[in-house]
C-alpha atoms as a PDB file:
ATOM      1  CA  MET A   1      42.530  29.797  48.499  1.00  0.00           C
ATOM      2  CA  PHE A   2      39.021  29.545  49.913  1.00  0.00           C
ATOM      3  CA  ARG A   3      37.901  32.249  47.477  1.00  0.00           C
ATOM      4  CA  ASN A   4      39.228  30.224  44.490  1.00  0.00           C
ATOM      5  CA  PHE A   5      37.546  27.077  45.827  1.00  0.00           C
ATOM      6  CA  SER A   6      34.231  28.960  46.070  1.00  0.00           C
ATOM      7  CA  ARG A   7      34.529  30.196  42.495  1.00  0.00           C
ATOM      8  CA  ILE A   8      35.324  26.701  41.228  1.00  0.00           C
ATOM      9  CA  ALA A   9      32.393  25.243  43.189  1.00  0.00           C
ATOM     10  CA  VAL A  10      29.970  27.856  41.817  1.00  0.00           C
ATOM     11  CA  LEU A  11      31.213  27.343  38.237  1.00  0.00           C
ATOM     12  CA  SER A  12      30.982  23.558  38.588  1.00  0.00           C
ATOM     13  CA  LEU A  13      27.452  23.808  39.919  1.00  0.00           C
ATOM     14  CA  ALA A  14      26.456  26.156  37.071  1.00  0.00           C
ATOM     15  CA  CYS A  15      27.899  23.747  34.484  1.00  0.00           C
ATOM     16  CA  LEU A  16      26.060  20.834  36.064  1.00  0.00           C
ATOM     17  CA  VAL A  17      22.732  22.692  36.041  1.00  0.00           C
ATOM     18  CA  MET A  18      23.266  23.793  32.443  1.00  0.00           C
ATOM     19  CA  SER A  19      24.191  20.313  31.234  1.00  0.00           C
ATOM     20  CA  ASP A  20      21.069  18.814  32.833  1.00  0.00           C
ATOM     21  CA  GLY A  21      18.944  21.473  31.143  1.00  0.00           C
ATOM     22  CA  ILE A  22      20.548  20.747  27.783  1.00  0.00           C
ATOM     23  CA  SER A  23      20.068  16.998  28.119  1.00  0.00           C
ATOM     24  CA  LEU A  24      16.420  17.468  29.123  1.00  0.00           C
ATOM     25  CA  ALA A  25      15.868  19.774  26.138  1.00  0.00           C
ATOM     26  CA  ALA A  26      17.490  17.228  23.843  1.00  0.00           C
ATOM     27  CA  LYS A  27      15.323  14.438  25.241  1.00  0.00           C
ATOM     28  CA  GLY A  28      12.199  16.547  24.702  1.00  0.00           C
ATOM     29  CA  ALA A  29      13.194  17.401  21.146  1.00  0.00           C
ATOM     30  CA  GLY A  30      14.027  13.798  20.372  1.00  0.00           C
ATOM     31  CA  ALA A  31      10.734  12.515  21.672  1.00  0.00           C
ATOM     32  CA  GLY A  32       8.724  14.895  19.481  1.00  0.00           C
ATOM     33  CA  SER A  33      10.784  14.450  16.353  1.00  0.00           C
ATOM     34  CA  ALA A  34      10.773  10.653  16.522  1.00  0.00           C
ATOM     35  CA  ALA A  35       7.028  10.576  15.803  1.00  0.00           C
ATOM     36  CA  ARG A  36       7.222  13.225  13.061  1.00  0.00           C
ATOM     37  CA  GLN A  37       8.641  12.676   9.607  1.00  0.00           C
ATOM     38  CA  LYS A  38       8.407  14.998   6.605  1.00  0.00           C
ATOM     39  CA  THR A  39       9.524  14.262   3.045  1.00  0.00           C
ATOM     40  CA  ILE A  40       9.605  16.872   0.281  1.00  0.00           C
ATOM     41  CA  VAL A  41      10.213  16.107  -3.396  1.00  0.00           C
ATOM     42  CA  ARG A  42      10.657  18.503  -6.285  1.00  0.00           C
ATOM     43  CA  LEU A  43       8.312  17.982  -9.201  1.00  0.00           C
ATOM     44  CA  SER A  44      10.014  18.295 -12.593  1.00  0.00           C
ATOM     45  CA  ARG A  45       8.504  20.263 -15.431  1.00  0.00           C
ATOM     46  CA  THR A  46       7.506  18.318 -18.548  1.00  0.00           C
ATOM     47  CA  ALA A  47       7.383  19.596 -22.140  1.00  0.00           C
ATOM     48  CA  ALA A  48       3.617  20.189 -21.701  1.00  0.00           C
ATOM     49  CA  ALA A  49       4.179  22.684 -18.861  1.00  0.00           C
ATOM     50  CA  PRO A  50       4.578  26.430 -19.301  1.00  0.00           C
ATOM     51  CA  THR A  51       8.130  27.767 -19.145  1.00  0.00           C
ATOM     52  CA  GLY A  52       8.993  28.566 -15.534  1.00  0.00           C
ATOM     53  CA  ALA A  53       6.554  26.082 -14.018  1.00  0.00           C
ATOM     54  CA  SER A  54       7.801  24.396 -10.843  1.00  0.00           C
ATOM     55  CA  GLY A  55       6.347  22.488  -7.948  1.00  0.00           C
ATOM     56  CA  LYS A  56       6.802  20.161  -5.033  1.00  0.00           C
ATOM     57  CA  ALA A  57       5.007  17.399  -3.158  1.00  0.00           C
ATOM     58  CA  VAL A  58       5.103  16.939   0.616  1.00  0.00           C
ATOM     59  CA  TYR A  59       4.233  13.909   2.740  1.00  0.00           C
ATOM     60  CA  GLU A  60       4.227  14.208   6.507  1.00  0.00           C
ATOM     61  CA  THR A  61       3.439  11.770   9.306  1.00  0.00           C
ATOM     62  CA  ARG A  62       3.073  13.236  12.780  1.00  0.00           C
ATOM     63  CA  SER A  63       2.033  10.082  14.647  1.00  0.00           C
ATOM     64  CA  VAL A  64      -0.029   6.988  13.952  1.00  0.00           C
ATOM     65  CA  GLY A  65      -3.140   8.048  12.054  1.00  0.00           C
ATOM     66  CA  ARG A  66      -2.019  11.670  11.569  1.00  0.00           C
ATOM     67  CA  GLU A  67      -0.833  12.132   7.999  1.00  0.00           C
ATOM     68  CA  LYS A  68      -0.677  15.005   5.561  1.00  0.00           C
ATOM     69  CA  PHE A  69      -0.065  15.089   1.800  1.00  0.00           C
ATOM     70  CA  GLY A  70       0.186  18.172  -0.325  1.00  0.00           C
ATOM     71  CA  THR A  71       1.307  19.525  -3.659  1.00  0.00           C
ATOM     72  CA  GLU A  72       1.929  23.035  -4.828  1.00  0.00           C
ATOM     73  CA  ALA A  73       2.945  24.557  -8.115  1.00  0.00           C
ATOM     74  CA  GLN A  74       3.701  28.002  -9.441  1.00  0.00           C
ATOM     75  CA  GLY A  75       4.539  29.577 -12.773  1.00  0.00           C
ATOM     76  CA  LEU A  76       1.263  28.381 -14.253  1.00  0.00           C
ATOM     77  CA  THR A  77      -0.165  31.772 -15.356  1.00  0.00           C
ATOM     78  CA  PRO A  78      -0.946  30.616 -18.934  1.00  0.00           C
ATOM     79  CA  LEU A  79      -3.155  27.895 -17.401  1.00  0.00           C
ATOM     80  CA  ASN A  80      -5.198  30.206 -15.104  1.00  0.00           C
ATOM     81  CA  GLY A  81      -8.806  29.058 -14.740  1.00  0.00           C
ATOM     82  CA  MET A  82      -8.055  25.476 -15.798  1.00  0.00           C
ATOM     83  CA  ALA A  83      -8.480  22.485 -13.484  1.00  0.00           C
ATOM     84  CA  ALA A  84      -5.336  20.714 -12.333  1.00  0.00           C
ATOM     85  CA  SER A  85      -5.521  17.149 -11.033  1.00  0.00           C
ATOM     86  CA  VAL A  86      -3.088  15.341  -8.733  1.00  0.00           C
ATOM     87  CA  TYR A  87      -2.382  11.646  -9.286  1.00  0.00           C
ATOM     88  CA  VAL A  88      -0.467   9.428  -6.868  1.00  0.00           C
ATOM     89  CA  ASN A  89       0.710   6.177  -8.468  1.00  0.00           C
ATOM     90  CA  GLY A  90      -1.924   6.684 -11.186  1.00  0.00           C
ATOM     91  CA  VAL A  91      -4.832   7.253  -8.772  1.00  0.00           C
ATOM     92  CA  LEU A  92      -6.613  10.620  -8.733  1.00  0.00           C
ATOM     93  CA  VAL A  93      -6.413  12.128  -5.226  1.00  0.00           C
ATOM     94  CA  GLY A  94      -7.821  15.608  -5.898  1.00  0.00           C
ATOM     95  CA  SER A  95      -8.377  18.515  -8.270  1.00  0.00           C
ATOM     96  CA  ARG A  96      -8.289  22.287  -7.902  1.00  0.00           C
ATOM     97  CA  GLN A  97      -8.497  25.277 -10.189  1.00  0.00           C
ATOM     98  CA  ILE A  98      -5.313  27.151 -11.101  1.00  0.00           C
ATOM     99  CA  ALA A  99      -5.521  30.802 -10.040  1.00  0.00           C
ATOM    100  CA  LEU A 100      -2.948  33.588 -10.216  1.00  0.00           C
ATOM    101  CA  GLY A 101      -0.490  31.132 -11.735  1.00  0.00           C
ATOM    102  CA  ARG A 102      -0.571  28.915  -8.638  1.00  0.00           C
ATOM    103  CA  PHE A 103      -2.005  25.570  -7.614  1.00  0.00           C
ATOM    104  CA  ASN A 104      -2.257  24.016  -4.164  1.00  0.00           C
ATOM    105  CA  LEU A 105      -3.803  20.790  -2.870  1.00  0.00           C
ATOM    106  CA  GLU A 106      -3.604  19.636   0.775  1.00  0.00           C
ATOM    107  CA  LEU A 107      -5.087  16.492   2.260  1.00  0.00           C
ATOM    108  CA  GLU A 108      -5.041  15.825   6.016  1.00  0.00           C
ATOM    109  CA  SER A 109      -6.271  12.749   7.829  1.00  0.00           C
ATOM    110  CA  GLU A 110      -7.168  14.936  10.840  1.00  0.00           C
ATOM    111  CA  ARG A 111      -9.807  16.634   8.665  1.00  0.00           C
ATOM    112  CA  GLY A 112     -11.245  13.259   7.706  1.00  0.00           C
ATOM    113  CA  GLN A 113      -9.705  13.411   4.237  1.00  0.00           C
ATOM    114  CA  SER A 114      -8.234  10.368   2.541  1.00  0.00           C
ATOM    115  CA  VAL A 115      -4.443  10.710   2.425  1.00  0.00           C
ATOM    116  CA  PRO A 116      -2.658   8.557  -0.168  1.00  0.00           C
ATOM    117  CA  VAL A 117      -0.123   5.973   0.967  1.00  0.00           C
ATOM    118  CA  VAL A 118       3.346   7.308   0.140  1.00  0.00           C
ATOM    119  CA  SER A 119       6.643   5.415   0.277  1.00  0.00           C
ATOM    120  CA  SER A 120       9.931   5.352  -1.572  1.00  0.00           C
ATOM    121  CA  GLY A 121       9.228   5.230  -5.314  1.00  0.00           C
ATOM    122  CA  THR A 122       5.696   6.667  -5.099  1.00  0.00           C
ATOM    123  CA  ARG A 123       5.030   8.739  -8.240  1.00  0.00           C
ATOM    124  CA  VAL A 124       3.194  12.073  -8.099  1.00  0.00           C
ATOM    125  CA  GLU A 125       1.841  13.876 -11.171  1.00  0.00           C
ATOM    126  CA  ILE A 126       0.004  17.124 -11.708  1.00  0.00           C
ATOM    127  CA  GLN A 127      -2.075  17.008 -14.872  1.00  0.00           C
ATOM    128  CA  VAL A 128      -4.004  19.658 -16.792  1.00  0.00           C
ATOM    129  CA  GLY A 129      -6.377  18.564 -19.546  1.00  0.00           C
ATOM    130  CA  GLY A 130      -4.965  15.007 -19.379  1.00  0.00           C
ATOM    131  CA  ALA A 131      -1.377  16.183 -19.953  1.00  0.00           C
ATOM    132  CA  VAL A 132       1.245  15.730 -17.228  1.00  0.00           C
ATOM    133  CA  ILE A 133       2.818  19.113 -16.525  1.00  0.00           C
ATOM    134  CA  LEU A 134       4.806  18.301 -13.356  1.00  0.00           C
ATOM    135  CA  ALA A 135       5.978  14.930 -12.014  1.00  0.00           C
ATOM    136  CA  GLY A 136       8.304  13.418  -9.443  1.00  0.00           C
ATOM    137  CA  GLU A 137       8.969  10.460  -7.145  1.00  0.00           C
ATOM    138  CA  PHE A 138       9.376  10.141  -3.402  1.00  0.00           C
END
C-alpha cells in the first residue's frame, strides 16, 4: 500500500510541475502575441497583368511604433526590367524594378521608412506603366 501511495504522490507531483510549466509557457506566448498582429491579403490579377501573375500584401504591427508593410508578386516575367509601383489608397508608397519575374517591396518603421496606415478596407495596387496589374483590400 505504501508503494502505491508513493507512486501516486510522484505522479501527482510530476503532473503539478508539468501543468505549471505549461501555464507559464502559455502566459509567455500570450504576452508576445498580444503585441504582434499580422494581416496578409491576396492581390488579384487584373486583365492588364500577365497570365499567371499573383501577389500578396502584408501588414504587421509588432508593438507601438514598430510596423512593417510589404508586397510581393511573381509570374511577371514578360514585364522584366520595368518599374512597378505600389499604391496604398491611391498614394504612391514605393517603386522597384521587376527582375526574374518577381517584385518585392518592404517598408519598416524600424529602418526609418514611412509605413502606410493600413486598416480594414485599405486598398493596395501594384501598377506597371500606369496600369493596375494586381490589386486587393485589407
